[in-house]
């Protein structure tokens, strides 16, 4: 059984060499090394060039070793799909960060499910905290969002000049606004572009 190892770093200034050394230090002899350098973690695993090449080369029943869970995907859903696809091919997936746990084993699947649930809960809590902060700011009378590009007087001027026959393009140039912003100002009840 061959051992495949995969590493990824987000910028070209970084190197995957430390990941490779960490895998070797854990006692694995790397038969095939694949690394994506300068590839963001937000890129789905299947869209990464070297990860895709590795998936084409790795055979059923072999082993894949990575240093951290996030090397396998951009989020819990992507990681889960990647693990599921590898498990279907009976590929053993070892993540050193989790203590050499094979994520395709029953215990590994349980751990992955718990990690995904924790990540989802943390995301939900973050959204909840953000919403609470926005509500508090509104209650304190703070203006949220982008600052207005126009004043009430300017909006009235634009509307009056348009009523006099000026075109949207002329008004956009005069006020340094986009045509869409001028168009929005001319809508009944508009407040700001």
C-alpha atoms as a PDB file:
ATOM      1  CA  UNK A   1       0.000   0.000   0.000  1.00  0.00           C
ATOM      2  CA  UNK A   2       1.465   3.326  -1.109  1.00  0.00           C
ATOM      3  CA  UNK A   3       1.372   6.399   1.117  1.00  0.00           C
ATOM      4  CA  UNK A   4       0.324   9.640  -0.517  1.00  0.00           C
ATOM      5  CA  UNK A   5       0.840  12.935   1.274  1.00  0.00           C
ATOM      6  CA  UNK A   6      -0.684  16.287   0.464  1.00  0.00           C
ATOM      7  CA  UNK A   7       0.230  19.806   1.545  1.00  0.00           C
ATOM      8  CA  UNK A   8      -1.214  23.223   0.813  1.00  0.00           C
ATOM      9  CA  UNK A   9      -0.222  26.820   1.537  1.00  0.00           C
ATOM     10  CA  UNK A  10      -2.137  29.964   0.635  1.00  0.00           C
ATOM     11  CA  UNK A  11       0.669  32.152  -0.696  1.00  0.00           C
ATOM     12  CA  UNK A  12       3.676  31.612  -2.906  1.00  0.00           C
ATOM     13  CA  UNK A  13       5.890  33.089  -0.161  1.00  0.00           C
ATOM     14  CA  UNK A  14       5.044  30.078   2.019  1.00  0.00           C
ATOM     15  CA  UNK A  15       6.308  26.553   1.501  1.00  0.00           C
ATOM     16  CA  UNK A  16       4.793  23.139   2.093  1.00  0.00           C
ATOM     17  CA  UNK A  17       8.150  21.719   3.178  1.00  0.00           C
ATOM     18  CA  UNK A  18       7.268  21.907   6.903  1.00  0.00           C
ATOM     19  CA  UNK A  19       4.116  19.879   6.279  1.00  0.00           C
ATOM     20  CA  UNK A  20       6.127  17.242   4.452  1.00  0.00           C
ATOM     21  CA  UNK A  21       8.683  17.100   7.283  1.00  0.00           C
ATOM     22  CA  UNK A  22       5.897  16.819   9.890  1.00  0.00           C
ATOM     23  CA  UNK A  23       4.410  13.824   8.074  1.00  0.00           C
ATOM     24  CA  UNK A  24       7.799  12.139   7.835  1.00  0.00           C
ATOM     25  CA  UNK A  25       8.504  12.881  11.525  1.00  0.00           C
ATOM     26  CA  UNK A  26       5.224  11.128  12.387  1.00  0.00           C
ATOM     27  CA  UNK A  27       6.726   7.945  10.928  1.00  0.00           C
ATOM     28  CA  UNK A  28       5.247   7.876   7.438  1.00  0.00           C
ATOM     29  CA  UNK A  29       7.365   7.100   4.395  1.00  0.00           C
ATOM     30  CA  UNK A  30       5.961   9.272   1.641  1.00  0.00           C
ATOM     31  CA  UNK A  31       5.745   7.454  -1.671  1.00  0.00           C
ATOM     32  CA  UNK A  32       3.985  10.282  -3.509  1.00  0.00           C
ATOM     33  CA  UNK A  33       4.004  13.965  -2.478  1.00  0.00           C
ATOM     34  CA  UNK A  34       1.526  16.498  -3.879  1.00  0.00           C
ATOM     35  CA  UNK A  35       1.419  20.156  -2.864  1.00  0.00           C
ATOM     36  CA  UNK A  36      -0.615  23.172  -3.878  1.00  0.00           C
ATOM     37  CA  UNK A  37       1.287  26.384  -3.200  1.00  0.00           C
ATOM     38  CA  UNK A  38      -0.404  29.741  -3.553  1.00  0.00           C
ATOM     39  CA  UNK A  39      -3.870  28.169  -3.429  1.00  0.00           C
ATOM     40  CA  UNK A  40      -6.367  29.676  -1.000  1.00  0.00           C
ATOM     41  CA  UNK A  41      -8.073  27.502   1.568  1.00  0.00           C
ATOM     42  CA  UNK A  42     -11.364  28.868   0.259  1.00  0.00           C
ATOM     43  CA  UNK A  43     -10.810  26.904  -2.969  1.00  0.00           C
ATOM     44  CA  UNK A  44     -12.673  23.602  -2.992  1.00  0.00           C
ATOM     45  CA  UNK A  45     -10.354  20.608  -2.692  1.00  0.00           C
ATOM     46  CA  UNK A  46     -11.480  19.194  -6.043  1.00  0.00           C
ATOM     47  CA  UNK A  47     -10.588  22.531  -7.733  1.00  0.00           C
ATOM     48  CA  UNK A  48      -6.976  22.516  -6.527  1.00  0.00           C
ATOM     49  CA  UNK A  49      -4.586  21.431  -9.320  1.00  0.00           C
ATOM     50  CA  UNK A  50      -2.268  19.149  -7.329  1.00  0.00           C
ATOM     51  CA  UNK A  51      -5.061  17.702  -5.187  1.00  0.00           C
ATOM     52  CA  UNK A  52      -6.907  16.761  -8.388  1.00  0.00           C
ATOM     53  CA  UNK A  53      -3.757  15.137  -9.807  1.00  0.00           C
ATOM     54  CA  UNK A  54      -3.331  13.201  -6.571  1.00  0.00           C
ATOM     55  CA  UNK A  55      -6.940  11.961  -6.727  1.00  0.00           C
ATOM     56  CA  UNK A  56      -6.291  10.701 -10.263  1.00  0.00           C
ATOM     57  CA  UNK A  57      -3.128   8.868  -9.213  1.00  0.00           C
ATOM     58  CA  UNK A  58      -4.097   7.387  -5.831  1.00  0.00           C
ATOM     59  CA  UNK A  59      -5.513   3.864  -6.097  1.00  0.00           C
ATOM     60  CA  UNK A  60      -8.240   2.219  -4.107  1.00  0.00           C
ATOM     61  CA  UNK A  61      -7.022   0.898  -0.761  1.00  0.00           C
ATOM     62  CA  UNK A  62      -4.034   3.244  -0.447  1.00  0.00           C
ATOM     63  CA  UNK A  63      -3.348   5.873   2.235  1.00  0.00           C
ATOM     64  CA  UNK A  64      -3.498   9.684   2.244  1.00  0.00           C
ATOM     65  CA  UNK A  65      -1.783  11.645   5.015  1.00  0.00           C
ATOM     66  CA  UNK A  66      -2.222  15.365   5.700  1.00  0.00           C
ATOM     67  CA  UNK A  67      -1.096  17.488   8.634  1.00  0.00           C
ATOM     68  CA  UNK A  68      -4.371  19.323   9.290  1.00  0.00           C
ATOM     69  CA  UNK A  69      -8.040  18.847   8.532  1.00  0.00           C
ATOM     70  CA  UNK A  70      -8.287  22.100   6.572  1.00  0.00           C
ATOM     71  CA  UNK A  71      -5.905  20.686   3.950  1.00  0.00           C
ATOM     72  CA  UNK A  72      -8.777  18.419   2.838  1.00  0.00           C
ATOM     73  CA  UNK A  73     -11.302  21.145   2.081  1.00  0.00           C
ATOM     74  CA  UNK A  74     -12.512  24.692   2.498  1.00  0.00           C
ATOM     75  CA  UNK A  75     -15.285  24.010   5.030  1.00  0.00           C
ATOM     76  CA  UNK A  76     -17.007  21.170   6.862  1.00  0.00           C
ATOM     77  CA  UNK A  77     -19.179  20.355   3.848  1.00  0.00           C
ATOM     78  CA  UNK A  78     -16.204  20.224   1.458  1.00  0.00           C
ATOM     79  CA  UNK A  79     -14.130  18.159   3.917  1.00  0.00           C
ATOM     80  CA  UNK A  80     -17.058  15.789   4.442  1.00  0.00           C
ATOM     81  CA  UNK A  81     -17.572  15.308   0.705  1.00  0.00           C
ATOM     82  CA  UNK A  82     -13.845  14.730   0.169  1.00  0.00           C
ATOM     83  CA  UNK A  83     -13.645  12.169   2.999  1.00  0.00           C
ATOM     84  CA  UNK A  84     -16.782  10.412   1.741  1.00  0.00           C
ATOM     85  CA  UNK A  85     -15.377  10.151  -1.792  1.00  0.00           C
ATOM     86  CA  UNK A  86     -12.075   8.773  -0.474  1.00  0.00           C
ATOM     87  CA  UNK A  87     -13.840   6.342   1.878  1.00  0.00           C
ATOM     88  CA  UNK A  88     -15.874   5.002  -1.056  1.00  0.00           C
ATOM     89  CA  UNK A  89     -12.549   4.035  -2.624  1.00  0.00           C
ATOM     90  CA  UNK A  90     -11.345   2.471   0.671  1.00  0.00           C
ATOM     91  CA  UNK A  91      -8.570   5.095   0.904  1.00  0.00           C
ATOM     92  CA  UNK A  92      -7.340   5.478   4.474  1.00  0.00           C
ATOM     93  CA  UNK A  93      -7.252   9.186   5.430  1.00  0.00           C
ATOM     94  CA  UNK A  94      -4.888  10.183   8.228  1.00  0.00           C
ATOM     95  CA  UNK A  95      -4.928  13.710   9.709  1.00  0.00           C
ATOM     96  CA  UNK A  96      -1.961  14.196  12.037  1.00  0.00           C
ATOM     97  CA  UNK A  97      -3.707  17.090  13.838  1.00  0.00           C
ATOM     98  CA  UNK A  98      -6.275  14.546  15.070  1.00  0.00           C
ATOM     99  CA  UNK A  99      -3.704  12.097  16.390  1.00  0.00           C
ATOM    100  CA  UNK A 100      -3.223   9.846  13.360  1.00  0.00           C
ATOM    101  CA  UNK A 101      -6.949   9.103  13.325  1.00  0.00           C
ATOM    102  CA  UNK A 102      -8.204   7.428  10.139  1.00  0.00           C
ATOM    103  CA  UNK A 103     -11.217   9.550   9.196  1.00  0.00           C
ATOM    104  CA  UNK A 104     -12.690   6.750   7.102  1.00  0.00           C
ATOM    105  CA  UNK A 105     -12.943   4.439  10.136  1.00  0.00           C
ATOM    106  CA  UNK A 106     -16.110   4.432  12.287  1.00  0.00           C
ATOM    107  CA  UNK A 107     -14.322   6.404  15.053  1.00  0.00           C
ATOM    108  CA  UNK A 108     -12.971   8.810  12.444  1.00  0.00           C
ATOM    109  CA  UNK A 109     -16.427   9.362  10.960  1.00  0.00           C
ATOM    110  CA  UNK A 110     -17.752  10.100  14.444  1.00  0.00           C
ATOM    111  CA  UNK A 111     -14.934  12.593  15.059  1.00  0.00           C
ATOM    112  CA  UNK A 112     -15.515  14.259  11.680  1.00  0.00           C
ATOM    113  CA  UNK A 113     -19.249  14.555  12.399  1.00  0.00           C
ATOM    114  CA  UNK A 114     -18.546  16.120  15.797  1.00  0.00           C
ATOM    115  CA  UNK A 115     -16.006  18.558  14.313  1.00  0.00           C
ATOM    116  CA  UNK A 116     -18.448  19.550  11.578  1.00  0.00           C
ATOM    117  CA  UNK A 117     -21.199  20.087  14.157  1.00  0.00           C
ATOM    118  CA  UNK A 118     -18.879  22.237  16.292  1.00  0.00           C
ATOM    119  CA  UNK A 119     -17.849  24.301  13.258  1.00  0.00           C
ATOM    120  CA  UNK A 120     -21.492  24.823  12.290  1.00  0.00           C
ATOM    121  CA  UNK A 121     -22.387  25.800  15.866  1.00  0.00           C
ATOM    122  CA  UNK A 122     -19.502  28.297  15.983  1.00  0.00           C
ATOM    123  CA  UNK A 123     -20.644  29.798  12.685  1.00  0.00           C
ATOM    124  CA  UNK A 124     -24.223  30.111  14.017  1.00  0.00           C
ATOM    125  CA  UNK A 125     -22.964  31.736  17.233  1.00  0.00           C
ATOM    126  CA  UNK A 126     -20.903  34.206  15.217  1.00  0.00           C
ATOM    127  CA  UNK A 127     -23.980  35.167  13.183  1.00  0.00           C
ATOM    128  CA  UNK A 128     -25.996  35.497  16.407  1.00  0.00           C
ATOM    129  CA  UNK A 129     -23.345  37.754  17.991  1.00  0.00           C
ATOM    130  CA  UNK A 130     -23.174  39.880  14.845  1.00  0.00           C
ATOM    131  CA  UNK A 131     -26.964  40.307  14.752  1.00  0.00           C
ATOM    132  CA  UNK A 132     -27.015  41.236  18.460  1.00  0.00           C
ATOM    133  CA  UNK A 133     -24.277  43.817  17.895  1.00  0.00           C
ATOM    134  CA  UNK A 134     -26.153  45.342  14.952  1.00  0.00           C
ATOM    135  CA  UNK A 135     -29.378  45.509  16.977  1.00  0.00           C
ATOM    136  CA  UNK A 136     -27.551  47.209  19.866  1.00  0.00           C
ATOM    137  CA  UNK A 137     -25.958  49.738  17.497  1.00  0.00           C
ATOM    138  CA  UNK A 138     -29.357  50.536  15.957  1.00  0.00           C
ATOM    139  CA  UNK A 139     -30.895  50.929  19.429  1.00  0.00           C
ATOM    140  CA  UNK A 140     -28.113  53.399  20.290  1.00  0.00           C
ATOM    141  CA  UNK A 141     -29.036  55.417  17.215  1.00  0.00           C
ATOM    142  CA  UNK A 142     -25.908  54.627  15.205  1.00  0.00           C
ATOM    143  CA  UNK A 143     -26.208  54.766  11.434  1.00  0.00           C
ATOM    144  CA  UNK A 144     -25.323  51.446   9.873  1.00  0.00           C
ATOM    145  CA  UNK A 145     -24.056  50.829   6.392  1.00  0.00           C
ATOM    146  CA  UNK A 146     -22.168  52.906   3.903  1.00  0.00           C
ATOM    147  CA  UNK A 147     -22.182  56.683   4.405  1.00  0.00           C
ATOM    148  CA  UNK A 148     -24.584  58.574   2.172  1.00  0.00           C
ATOM    149  CA  UNK A 149     -23.082  59.962  -1.031  1.00  0.00           C
ATOM    150  CA  UNK A 150     -25.647  62.735  -1.179  1.00  0.00           C
ATOM    151  CA  UNK A 151     -27.246  65.239   1.140  1.00  0.00           C
ATOM    152  CA  UNK A 152     -30.994  65.888   1.266  1.00  0.00           C
ATOM    153  CA  UNK A 153     -30.389  69.252  -0.460  1.00  0.00           C
ATOM    154  CA  UNK A 154     -28.391  67.564  -3.230  1.00  0.00           C
ATOM    155  CA  UNK A 155     -31.170  65.013  -3.789  1.00  0.00           C
ATOM    156  CA  UNK A 156     -33.718  67.797  -4.131  1.00  0.00           C
ATOM    157  CA  UNK A 157     -31.429  69.629  -6.596  1.00  0.00           C
ATOM    158  CA  UNK A 158     -31.014  66.506  -8.747  1.00  0.00           C
ATOM    159  CA  UNK A 159     -34.765  65.922  -8.814  1.00  0.00           C
ATOM    160  CA  UNK A 160     -35.475  69.565  -9.689  1.00  0.00           C
ATOM    161  CA  UNK A 161     -32.874  69.638 -12.492  1.00  0.00           C
ATOM    162  CA  UNK A 162     -34.225  66.370 -13.905  1.00  0.00           C
ATOM    163  CA  UNK A 163     -37.741  67.836 -13.863  1.00  0.00           C
ATOM    164  CA  UNK A 164     -36.338  70.817 -15.839  1.00  0.00           C
ATOM    165  CA  UNK A 165     -35.160  68.438 -18.563  1.00  0.00           C
ATOM    166  CA  UNK A 166     -31.572  67.555 -17.641  1.00  0.00           C
ATOM    167  CA  UNK A 167     -30.591  63.977 -18.574  1.00  0.00           C
ATOM    168  CA  UNK A 168     -29.481  61.282 -16.165  1.00  0.00           C
ATOM    169  CA  UNK A 169     -26.046  61.221 -17.839  1.00  0.00           C
ATOM    170  CA  UNK A 170     -25.589  64.979 -17.406  1.00  0.00           C
ATOM    171  CA  UNK A 171     -26.605  64.807 -13.751  1.00  0.00           C
ATOM    172  CA  UNK A 172     -24.306  61.849 -13.107  1.00  0.00           C
ATOM    173  CA  UNK A 173     -21.325  63.788 -14.469  1.00  0.00           C
ATOM    174  CA  UNK A 174     -22.226  66.977 -12.618  1.00  0.00           C
ATOM    175  CA  UNK A 175     -22.586  65.252  -9.228  1.00  0.00           C
ATOM    176  CA  UNK A 176     -19.874  62.597  -9.746  1.00  0.00           C
ATOM    177  CA  UNK A 177     -22.340  59.774  -9.273  1.00  0.00           C
ATOM    178  CA  UNK A 178     -23.140  56.753 -11.390  1.00  0.00           C
ATOM    179  CA  UNK A 179     -26.123  56.784 -13.730  1.00  0.00           C
ATOM    180  CA  UNK A 180     -27.687  54.096 -11.523  1.00  0.00           C
ATOM    181  CA  UNK A 181     -27.314  56.307  -8.435  1.00  0.00           C
ATOM    182  CA  UNK A 182     -29.026  59.211 -10.211  1.00  0.00           C
ATOM    183  CA  UNK A 183     -31.757  56.883 -11.417  1.00  0.00           C
ATOM    184  CA  UNK A 184     -32.300  55.691  -7.820  1.00  0.00           C
ATOM    185  CA  UNK A 185     -32.503  59.296  -6.586  1.00  0.00           C
ATOM    186  CA  UNK A 186     -35.321  59.937  -9.038  1.00  0.00           C
ATOM    187  CA  UNK A 187     -37.466  57.066  -7.755  1.00  0.00           C
ATOM    188  CA  UNK A 188     -40.412  58.153  -5.624  1.00  0.00           C
ATOM    189  CA  UNK A 189     -39.526  58.015  -1.908  1.00  0.00           C
ATOM    190  CA  UNK A 190     -35.803  57.503  -2.562  1.00  0.00           C
ATOM    191  CA  UNK A 191     -33.400  58.263   0.262  1.00  0.00           C
ATOM    192  CA  UNK A 192     -29.954  57.572  -1.202  1.00  0.00           C
ATOM    193  CA  UNK A 193     -28.244  55.687  -4.023  1.00  0.00           C
END
